[in-house]
PDB file of all heavy atoms in Angstrom:
ATOM      1  N   ALA A   1      -2.210  -3.535  -2.627  1.00  0.00           N
ATOM      2  CA  ALA A   1      -1.889  -4.207  -1.466  1.00  0.00           C
ATOM      3  C   ALA A   1      -1.178  -5.530  -1.861  1.00  0.00           C
ATOM      4  O   ALA A   1      -0.244  -5.915  -1.134  1.00  0.00           O
ATOM      5  CB  ALA A   1      -3.133  -4.516  -0.617  1.00  0.00           C
ATOM      6  N   LYS A   2      -1.571  -6.130  -2.917  1.00  0.00           N
ATOM      7  CA  LYS A   2      -0.925  -7.367  -3.378  1.00  0.00           C
ATOM      8  C   LYS A   2       0.590  -7.063  -3.796  1.00  0.00           C
ATOM      9  O   LYS A   2       1.436  -7.854  -3.533  1.00  0.00           O
ATOM     10  CB  LYS A   2      -1.671  -7.984  -4.560  1.00  0.00           C
ATOM     11  CG  LYS A   2      -2.905  -8.734  -4.100  1.00  0.00           C
ATOM     12  CD  LYS A   2      -3.639  -9.339  -5.264  1.00  0.00           C
ATOM     13  CE  LYS A   2      -4.901  -9.997  -4.835  1.00  0.00           C
ATOM     14  NZ  LYS A   2      -5.598 -10.615  -5.922  1.00  0.00           N
ATOM     15  N   ILE A   3       0.745  -5.908  -4.420  1.00  0.00           N
ATOM     16  CA  ILE A   3       2.106  -5.541  -4.784  1.00  0.00           C
ATOM     17  C   ILE A   3       2.956  -5.310  -3.559  1.00  0.00           C
ATOM     18  O   ILE A   3       4.130  -5.802  -3.485  1.00  0.00           O
ATOM     19  CB  ILE A   3       2.105  -4.220  -5.618  1.00  0.00           C
ATOM     20  CG1 ILE A   3       1.526  -4.493  -7.027  1.00  0.00           C
ATOM     21  CG2 ILE A   3       3.523  -3.572  -5.727  1.00  0.00           C
ATOM     22  CD1 ILE A   3       1.243  -3.253  -7.848  1.00  0.00           C
ATOM     23  N   ILE A   4       2.424  -4.711  -2.511  1.00  0.00           N
ATOM     24  CA  ILE A   4       3.137  -4.502  -1.270  1.00  0.00           C
ATOM     25  C   ILE A   4       3.521  -5.823  -0.647  1.00  0.00           C
ATOM     26  O   ILE A   4       4.639  -5.969  -0.119  1.00  0.00           O
ATOM     27  CB  ILE A   4       2.277  -3.652  -0.313  1.00  0.00           C
ATOM     28  CG1 ILE A   4       2.129  -2.228  -0.848  1.00  0.00           C
ATOM     29  CG2 ILE A   4       2.952  -3.579   1.073  1.00  0.00           C
ATOM     30  CD1 ILE A   4       1.105  -1.428  -0.150  1.00  0.00           C
ATOM     31  N   CYS A   5       2.619  -6.790  -0.726  1.00  0.00           N
ATOM     32  CA  CYS A   5       2.839  -8.098  -0.029  1.00  0.00           C
ATOM     33  C   CYS A   5       3.681  -9.087  -0.882  1.00  0.00           C
ATOM     34  O   CYS A   5       4.268 -10.050  -0.291  1.00  0.00           O
ATOM     35  CB  CYS A   5       1.511  -8.743   0.304  1.00  0.00           C
ATOM     36  SG  CYS A   5       0.610  -7.867   1.503  1.00  0.00           S
ATOM     37  N   HIS A   6       3.734  -8.880  -2.140  1.00  0.00           N
ATOM     38  CA  HIS A   6       4.406  -9.883  -3.064  1.00  0.00           C
ATOM     39  C   HIS A   6       5.869  -9.822  -2.844  1.00  0.00           C
ATOM     40  O   HIS A   6       6.515  -8.812  -2.822  1.00  0.00           O
ATOM     41  CB  HIS A   6       4.032  -9.602  -4.507  1.00  0.00           C
ATOM     42  CG  HIS A   6       4.226 -10.786  -5.369  1.00  0.00           C
ATOM     43  ND1 HIS A   6       5.520 -11.084  -5.827  1.00  0.00           N
ATOM     44  CD2 HIS A   6       3.422 -11.651  -5.842  1.00  0.00           C
ATOM     45  CE1 HIS A   6       5.410 -12.150  -6.659  1.00  0.00           C
ATOM     46  NE2 HIS A   6       4.151 -12.552  -6.611  1.00  0.00           N
ATOM     47  N   ALA A   7       6.476 -11.047  -2.675  1.00  0.00           N
ATOM     48  CA  ALA A   7       7.908 -11.234  -2.377  1.00  0.00           C
ATOM     49  C   ALA A   7       8.714 -10.714  -3.572  1.00  0.00           C
ATOM     50  O   ALA A   7       9.827 -10.326  -3.373  1.00  0.00           O
ATOM     51  CB  ALA A   7       8.214 -12.620  -2.048  1.00  0.00           C
ATOM     52  N   ARG A   8       8.213 -10.811  -4.761  1.00  0.00           N
ATOM     53  CA  ARG A   8       8.982 -10.495  -5.999  1.00  0.00           C
ATOM     54  C   ARG A   8       8.812  -9.075  -6.421  1.00  0.00           C
ATOM     55  O   ARG A   8       9.431  -8.659  -7.436  1.00  0.00           O
ATOM     56  CB  ARG A   8       8.666 -11.507  -7.121  1.00  0.00           C
ATOM     57  CG  ARG A   8       9.056 -12.917  -6.690  1.00  0.00           C
ATOM     58  CD  ARG A   8       9.005 -13.821  -7.813  1.00  0.00           C
ATOM     59  NE  ARG A   8      10.139 -13.512  -8.739  1.00  0.00           N
ATOM     60  CZ  ARG A   8      10.296 -14.070  -9.845  1.00  0.00           C
ATOM     61  NH1 ARG A   8       9.541 -15.061 -10.265  1.00  0.00           N
ATOM     62  NH2 ARG A   8      11.351 -13.741 -10.640  1.00  0.00           N
ATOM     63  N   SER A   9       8.064  -8.299  -5.706  1.00  0.00           N
ATOM     64  CA  SER A   9       7.885  -6.845  -6.071  1.00  0.00           C
ATOM     65  C   SER A   9       9.146  -6.110  -5.621  1.00  0.00           C
ATOM     66  O   SER A   9       9.739  -6.421  -4.610  1.00  0.00           O
ATOM     67  CB  SER A   9       6.743  -6.217  -5.305  1.00  0.00           C
ATOM     68  OG  SER A   9       5.499  -6.770  -5.712  1.00  0.00           O
ATOM     69  N   THR A  10       9.616  -5.223  -6.459  1.00  0.00           N
ATOM     70  CA  THR A  10      10.798  -4.430  -6.142  1.00  0.00           C
ATOM     71  C   THR A  10      10.516  -3.481  -5.020  1.00  0.00           C
ATOM     72  O   THR A  10       9.397  -3.050  -4.799  1.00  0.00           O
ATOM     73  CB  THR A  10      11.357  -3.686  -7.359  1.00  0.00           C
ATOM     74  OG1 THR A  10      10.409  -2.702  -7.720  1.00  0.00           O
ATOM     75  CG2 THR A  10      11.641  -4.647  -8.525  1.00  0.00           C
ATOM     76  N   ALA A  11      11.553  -2.983  -4.357  1.00  0.00           N
ATOM     77  CA  ALA A  11      11.370  -2.010  -3.315  1.00  0.00           C
ATOM     78  C   ALA A  11      10.758  -0.715  -3.840  1.00  0.00           C
ATOM     79  O   ALA A  11       9.876  -0.096  -3.162  1.00  0.00           O
ATOM     80  CB  ALA A  11      12.731  -1.709  -2.654  1.00  0.00           C
ATOM     81  N   GLU A  12      11.120  -0.373  -5.084  1.00  0.00           N
ATOM     82  CA  GLU A  12      10.547   0.831  -5.691  1.00  0.00           C
ATOM     83  C   GLU A  12       9.023   0.701  -5.909  1.00  0.00           C
ATOM     84  O   GLU A  12       8.271   1.601  -5.704  1.00  0.00           O
ATOM     85  CB  GLU A  12      11.265   1.174  -6.996  1.00  0.00           C
ATOM     86  CG  GLU A  12      12.669   1.611  -6.857  1.00  0.00           C
ATOM     87  CD  GLU A  12      13.652   0.473  -6.877  1.00  0.00           C
ATOM     88  OE1 GLU A  12      13.232  -0.746  -6.867  1.00  0.00           O
ATOM     89  OE2 GLU A  12      14.865   0.756  -6.873  1.00  0.00           O
ATOM     90  N   GLU A  13       8.629  -0.526  -6.414  1.00  0.00           N
ATOM     91  CA  GLU A  13       7.193  -0.826  -6.662  1.00  0.00           C
ATOM     92  C   GLU A  13       6.453  -0.756  -5.294  1.00  0.00           C
ATOM     93  O   GLU A  13       5.374  -0.179  -5.253  1.00  0.00           O
ATOM     94  CB  GLU A  13       7.001  -2.123  -7.313  1.00  0.00           C
ATOM     95  CG  GLU A  13       7.358  -2.178  -8.726  1.00  0.00           C
ATOM     96  CD  GLU A  13       7.214  -3.549  -9.305  1.00  0.00           C
ATOM     97  OE1 GLU A  13       7.548  -4.553  -8.710  1.00  0.00           O
ATOM     98  OE2 GLU A  13       6.674  -3.623 -10.471  1.00  0.00           O
ATOM     99  N   LYS A  14       7.068  -1.361  -4.302  1.00  0.00           N
ATOM    100  CA  LYS A  14       6.359  -1.319  -2.970  1.00  0.00           C
ATOM    101  C   LYS A  14       6.203   0.150  -2.462  1.00  0.00           C
ATOM    102  O   LYS A  14       5.112   0.509  -1.998  1.00  0.00           O
ATOM    103  CB  LYS A  14       7.085  -2.182  -1.982  1.00  0.00           C
ATOM    104  CG  LYS A  14       7.012  -3.653  -2.280  1.00  0.00           C
ATOM    105  CD  LYS A  14       7.850  -4.460  -1.239  1.00  0.00           C
ATOM    106  CE  LYS A  14       7.730  -5.908  -1.617  1.00  0.00           C
ATOM    107  NZ  LYS A  14       8.404  -6.821  -0.663  1.00  0.00           N
ATOM    108  N   ALA A  15       7.266   0.940  -2.577  1.00  0.00           N
ATOM    109  CA  ALA A  15       7.173   2.265  -2.147  1.00  0.00           C
ATOM    110  C   ALA A  15       6.155   3.108  -2.953  1.00  0.00           C
ATOM    111  O   ALA A  15       5.358   3.849  -2.345  1.00  0.00           O
ATOM    112  CB  ALA A  15       8.570   2.945  -2.306  1.00  0.00           C
ATOM    113  N   ALA A  16       6.095   2.866  -4.253  1.00  0.00           N
ATOM    114  CA  ALA A  16       5.109   3.569  -5.049  1.00  0.00           C
ATOM    115  C   ALA A  16       3.695   3.127  -4.719  1.00  0.00           C
ATOM    116  O   ALA A  16       2.774   3.985  -4.694  1.00  0.00           O
ATOM    117  CB  ALA A  16       5.414   3.292  -6.550  1.00  0.00           C
ATOM    118  N   ALA A  17       3.543   1.855  -4.449  1.00  0.00           N
ATOM    119  CA  ALA A  17       2.231   1.344  -4.139  1.00  0.00           C
ATOM    120  C   ALA A  17       1.782   1.894  -2.746  1.00  0.00           C
ATOM    121  O   ALA A  17       0.587   2.272  -2.651  1.00  0.00           O
ATOM    122  CB  ALA A  17       2.205  -0.184  -4.134  1.00  0.00           C
ATOM    123  N   ILE A  18       2.621   1.994  -1.814  1.00  0.00           N
ATOM    124  CA  ILE A  18       2.280   2.554  -0.487  1.00  0.00           C
ATOM    125  C   ILE A  18       1.910   4.025  -0.665  1.00  0.00           C
ATOM    126  O   ILE A  18       0.931   4.501  -0.137  1.00  0.00           O
ATOM    127  CB  ILE A  18       3.465   2.410   0.494  1.00  0.00           C
ATOM    128  CG1 ILE A  18       3.574   0.862   0.910  1.00  0.00           C
ATOM    129  CG2 ILE A  18       3.269   3.255   1.738  1.00  0.00           C
ATOM    130  CD1 ILE A  18       4.790   0.582   1.710  1.00  0.00           C
ATOM    131  N   ALA A  19       2.722   4.776  -1.439  1.00  0.00           N
ATOM    132  CA  ALA A  19       2.447   6.222  -1.628  1.00  0.00           C
ATOM    133  C   ALA A  19       1.131   6.420  -2.336  1.00  0.00           C
ATOM    134  O   ALA A  19       0.314   7.289  -1.986  1.00  0.00           O
ATOM    135  CB  ALA A  19       3.619   6.834  -2.458  1.00  0.00           C
ATOM    136  N   SER A  20       0.810   5.546  -3.329  1.00  0.00           N
ATOM    137  CA  SER A  20      -0.429   5.656  -4.062  1.00  0.00           C
ATOM    138  C   SER A  20      -1.621   5.289  -3.107  1.00  0.00           C
ATOM    139  O   SER A  20      -2.710   5.974  -3.134  1.00  0.00           O
ATOM    140  CB  SER A  20      -0.436   4.756  -5.244  1.00  0.00           C
ATOM    141  OG  SER A  20       0.443   5.254  -6.242  1.00  0.00           O
ATOM    142  N   LEU A  21      -1.465   4.258  -2.322  1.00  0.00           N
ATOM    143  CA  LEU A  21      -2.554   3.902  -1.425  1.00  0.00           C
ATOM    144  C   LEU A  21      -2.798   4.987  -0.397  1.00  0.00           C
ATOM    145  O   LEU A  21      -3.980   5.222  -0.045  1.00  0.00           O
ATOM    146  CB  LEU A  21      -2.204   2.584  -0.689  1.00  0.00           C
ATOM    147  CG  LEU A  21      -2.581   1.311  -1.438  1.00  0.00           C
ATOM    148  CD1 LEU A  21      -2.026   0.046  -0.769  1.00  0.00           C
ATOM    149  CD2 LEU A  21      -4.032   1.182  -1.549  1.00  0.00           C
ATOM    150  N   VAL A  22      -1.806   5.582   0.084  1.00  0.00           N
ATOM    151  CA  VAL A  22      -1.981   6.693   1.099  1.00  0.00           C
ATOM    152  C   VAL A  22      -2.798   7.799   0.531  1.00  0.00           C
ATOM    153  O   VAL A  22      -3.642   8.356   1.232  1.00  0.00           O
ATOM    154  CB  VAL A  22      -0.583   7.183   1.643  1.00  0.00           C
ATOM    155  CG1 VAL A  22      -0.706   8.463   2.371  1.00  0.00           C
ATOM    156  CG2 VAL A  22       0.016   6.049   2.490  1.00  0.00           C
ATOM    157  N   THR A  23      -2.572   8.141  -0.746  1.00  0.00           N
ATOM    158  CA  THR A  23      -3.344   9.275  -1.329  1.00  0.00           C
ATOM    159  C   THR A  23      -4.785   8.845  -1.560  1.00  0.00           C
ATOM    160  O   THR A  23      -5.651   9.727  -1.602  1.00  0.00           O
ATOM    161  CB  THR A  23      -2.729   9.716  -2.651  1.00  0.00           C
ATOM    162  OG1 THR A  23      -2.742   8.637  -3.615  1.00  0.00           O
ATOM    163  CG2 THR A  23      -1.333  10.238  -2.465  1.00  0.00           C
ATOM    164  N   ILE A  24      -5.031   7.567  -1.704  1.00  0.00           N
ATOM    165  CA  ILE A  24      -6.433   7.123  -1.931  1.00  0.00           C
ATOM    166  C   ILE A  24      -7.281   7.153  -0.637  1.00  0.00           C
ATOM    167  O   ILE A  24      -8.480   7.476  -0.656  1.00  0.00           O
ATOM    168  CB  ILE A  24      -6.392   5.659  -2.497  1.00  0.00           C
ATOM    169  CG1 ILE A  24      -5.861   5.749  -3.899  1.00  0.00           C
ATOM    170  CG2 ILE A  24      -7.828   5.075  -2.541  1.00  0.00           C
ATOM    171  CD1 ILE A  24      -5.528   4.354  -4.558  1.00  0.00           C
ATOM    172  N   TYR A  25      -6.616   6.868   0.495  1.00  0.00           N
ATOM    173  CA  TYR A  25      -7.390   6.856   1.741  1.00  0.00           C
ATOM    174  C   TYR A  25      -7.759   8.241   2.185  1.00  0.00           C
ATOM    175  O   TYR A  25      -6.982   9.156   2.201  1.00  0.00           O
ATOM    176  CB  TYR A  25      -6.486   6.256   2.879  1.00  0.00           C
ATOM    177  CG  TYR A  25      -6.480   4.777   2.923  1.00  0.00           C
ATOM    178  CD1 TYR A  25      -5.531   4.021   2.262  1.00  0.00           C
ATOM    179  CD2 TYR A  25      -7.429   4.109   3.703  1.00  0.00           C
ATOM    180  CE1 TYR A  25      -5.560   2.614   2.315  1.00  0.00           C
ATOM    181  CE2 TYR A  25      -7.436   2.674   3.768  1.00  0.00           C
ATOM    182  CZ  TYR A  25      -6.473   1.982   3.066  1.00  0.00           C
ATOM    183  OH  TYR A  25      -6.488   0.599   3.141  1.00  0.00           O
ATOM    184  N   GLU A  26      -9.074   8.367   2.458  1.00  0.00           N
ATOM    185  CA  GLU A  26      -9.564   9.650   3.045  1.00  0.00           C
ATOM    186  C   GLU A  26      -9.766   9.486   4.561  1.00  0.00           C
ATOM    187  O   GLU A  26      -9.735  10.414   5.356  1.00  0.00           O
ATOM    188  CB  GLU A  26     -10.935   9.959   2.394  1.00  0.00           C
ATOM    189  CG  GLU A  26     -10.783  10.320   0.940  1.00  0.00           C
ATOM    190  CD  GLU A  26     -12.098  10.454   0.252  1.00  0.00           C
ATOM    191  OE1 GLU A  26     -13.126  10.286   0.867  1.00  0.00           O
ATOM    192  OE2 GLU A  26     -12.074  10.695  -0.997  1.00  0.00           O
ATOM    193  N   ASP A  27     -10.020   8.217   4.971  1.00  0.00           N
ATOM    194  CA  ASP A  27     -10.206   7.845   6.379  1.00  0.00           C
ATOM    195  C   ASP A  27      -9.957   6.325   6.488  1.00  0.00           C
ATOM    196  O   ASP A  27      -9.987   5.681   5.468  1.00  0.00           O
ATOM    197  CB  ASP A  27     -11.593   8.167   6.843  1.00  0.00           C
ATOM    198  CG  ASP A  27     -11.742   8.170   8.370  1.00  0.00           C
ATOM    199  OD1 ASP A  27     -10.636   8.209   9.022  1.00  0.00           O
ATOM    200  OD2 ASP A  27     -12.857   8.075   8.822  1.00  0.00           O
ATOM    201  N   ILE A  28      -9.717   5.870   7.689  1.00  0.00           N
ATOM    202  CA  ILE A  28      -9.543   4.444   7.867  1.00  0.00           C
ATOM    203  C   ILE A  28     -10.340   4.014   9.092  1.00  0.00           C
ATOM    204  O   ILE A  28     -10.249   4.690  10.140  1.00  0.00           O
ATOM    205  CB  ILE A  28      -8.026   4.042   7.971  1.00  0.00           C
ATOM    206  CG1 ILE A  28      -7.875   2.543   8.036  1.00  0.00           C
ATOM    207  CG2 ILE A  28      -7.360   4.733   9.123  1.00  0.00           C
ATOM    208  CD1 ILE A  28      -6.447   2.075   7.784  1.00  0.00           C
ATOM    209  N   ASP A  29     -11.047   2.938   8.970  1.00  0.00           N
ATOM    210  CA  ASP A  29     -11.858   2.498  10.155  1.00  0.00           C
ATOM    211  C   ASP A  29     -10.931   1.724  11.107  1.00  0.00           C
ATOM    212  O   ASP A  29      -9.834   1.238  10.738  1.00  0.00           O
ATOM    213  CB  ASP A  29     -13.046   1.742   9.733  1.00  0.00           C
ATOM    214  CG  ASP A  29     -12.765   0.440   9.036  1.00  0.00           C
ATOM    215  OD1 ASP A  29     -11.738  -0.181   9.207  1.00  0.00           O
ATOM    216  OD2 ASP A  29     -13.659  -0.014   8.240  1.00  0.00           O
ATOM    217  N   ASP A  30     -11.377   1.540  12.318  1.00  0.00           N
ATOM    218  CA  ASP A  30     -10.547   0.923  13.343  1.00  0.00           C
ATOM    219  C   ASP A  30     -10.221  -0.569  13.011  1.00  0.00           C
ATOM    220  O   ASP A  30      -9.083  -0.969  13.242  1.00  0.00           O
ATOM    221  CB  ASP A  30     -11.263   0.961  14.670  1.00  0.00           C
ATOM    222  CG  ASP A  30     -11.319   2.341  15.283  1.00  0.00           C
ATOM    223  OD1 ASP A  30     -10.473   3.138  14.919  1.00  0.00           O
ATOM    224  OD2 ASP A  30     -12.230   2.602  16.082  1.00  0.00           O
ATOM    225  N   LYS A  31     -11.141  -1.285  12.391  1.00  0.00           N
ATOM    226  CA  LYS A  31     -10.899  -2.703  12.058  1.00  0.00           C
ATOM    227  C   LYS A  31      -9.783  -2.837  11.025  1.00  0.00           C
ATOM    228  O   LYS A  31      -8.899  -3.584  11.119  1.00  0.00           O
ATOM    229  CB  LYS A  31     -12.204  -3.381  11.579  1.00  0.00           C
ATOM    230  CG  LYS A  31     -12.034  -4.801  11.242  1.00  0.00           C
ATOM    231  CD  LYS A  31     -13.332  -5.420  10.718  1.00  0.00           C
ATOM    232  CE  LYS A  31     -13.074  -6.851  10.415  1.00  0.00           C
ATOM    233  NZ  LYS A  31     -13.817  -7.339   9.287  1.00  0.00           N
ATOM    234  N   GLU A  32      -9.911  -2.002   9.981  1.00  0.00           N
ATOM    235  CA  GLU A  32      -8.940  -2.075   8.901  1.00  0.00           C
ATOM    236  C   GLU A  32      -7.541  -1.653   9.407  1.00  0.00           C
ATOM    237  O   GLU A  32      -6.586  -2.210   9.100  1.00  0.00           O
ATOM    238  CB  GLU A  32      -9.327  -1.201   7.705  1.00  0.00           C
ATOM    239  CG  GLU A  32      -8.431  -1.309   6.528  1.00  0.00           C
ATOM    240  CD  GLU A  32      -8.920  -0.462   5.307  1.00  0.00           C
ATOM    241  OE1 GLU A  32      -9.831   0.331   5.489  1.00  0.00           O
ATOM    242  OE2 GLU A  32      -8.340  -0.706   4.225  1.00  0.00           O
ATOM    243  N   PHE A  33      -7.564  -0.587  10.250  1.00  0.00           N
ATOM    244  CA  PHE A  33      -6.268  -0.115  10.827  1.00  0.00           C
ATOM    245  C   PHE A  33      -5.608  -1.187  11.696  1.00  0.00           C
ATOM    246  O   PHE A  33      -4.471  -1.459  11.549  1.00  0.00           O
ATOM    247  CB  PHE A  33      -6.509   1.144  11.616  1.00  0.00           C
ATOM    248  CG  PHE A  33      -5.269   1.602  12.364  1.00  0.00           C
ATOM    249  CD1 PHE A  33      -4.175   2.188  11.595  1.00  0.00           C
ATOM    250  CD2 PHE A  33      -5.179   1.524  13.713  1.00  0.00           C
ATOM    251  CE1 PHE A  33      -3.092   2.681  12.248  1.00  0.00           C
ATOM    252  CE2 PHE A  33      -3.973   1.903  14.354  1.00  0.00           C
ATOM    253  CZ  PHE A  33      -2.952   2.563  13.602  1.00  0.00           C
TER     254      PHE A  33
END
């Protein structure tokens, strides 16, 4: 999440971080969403 938010992260790093995070989530609660 820090990689996604960091201004100096490259677009490729952000995309990879998002893709990786999505695979980790099995469910998301309403508050986090």
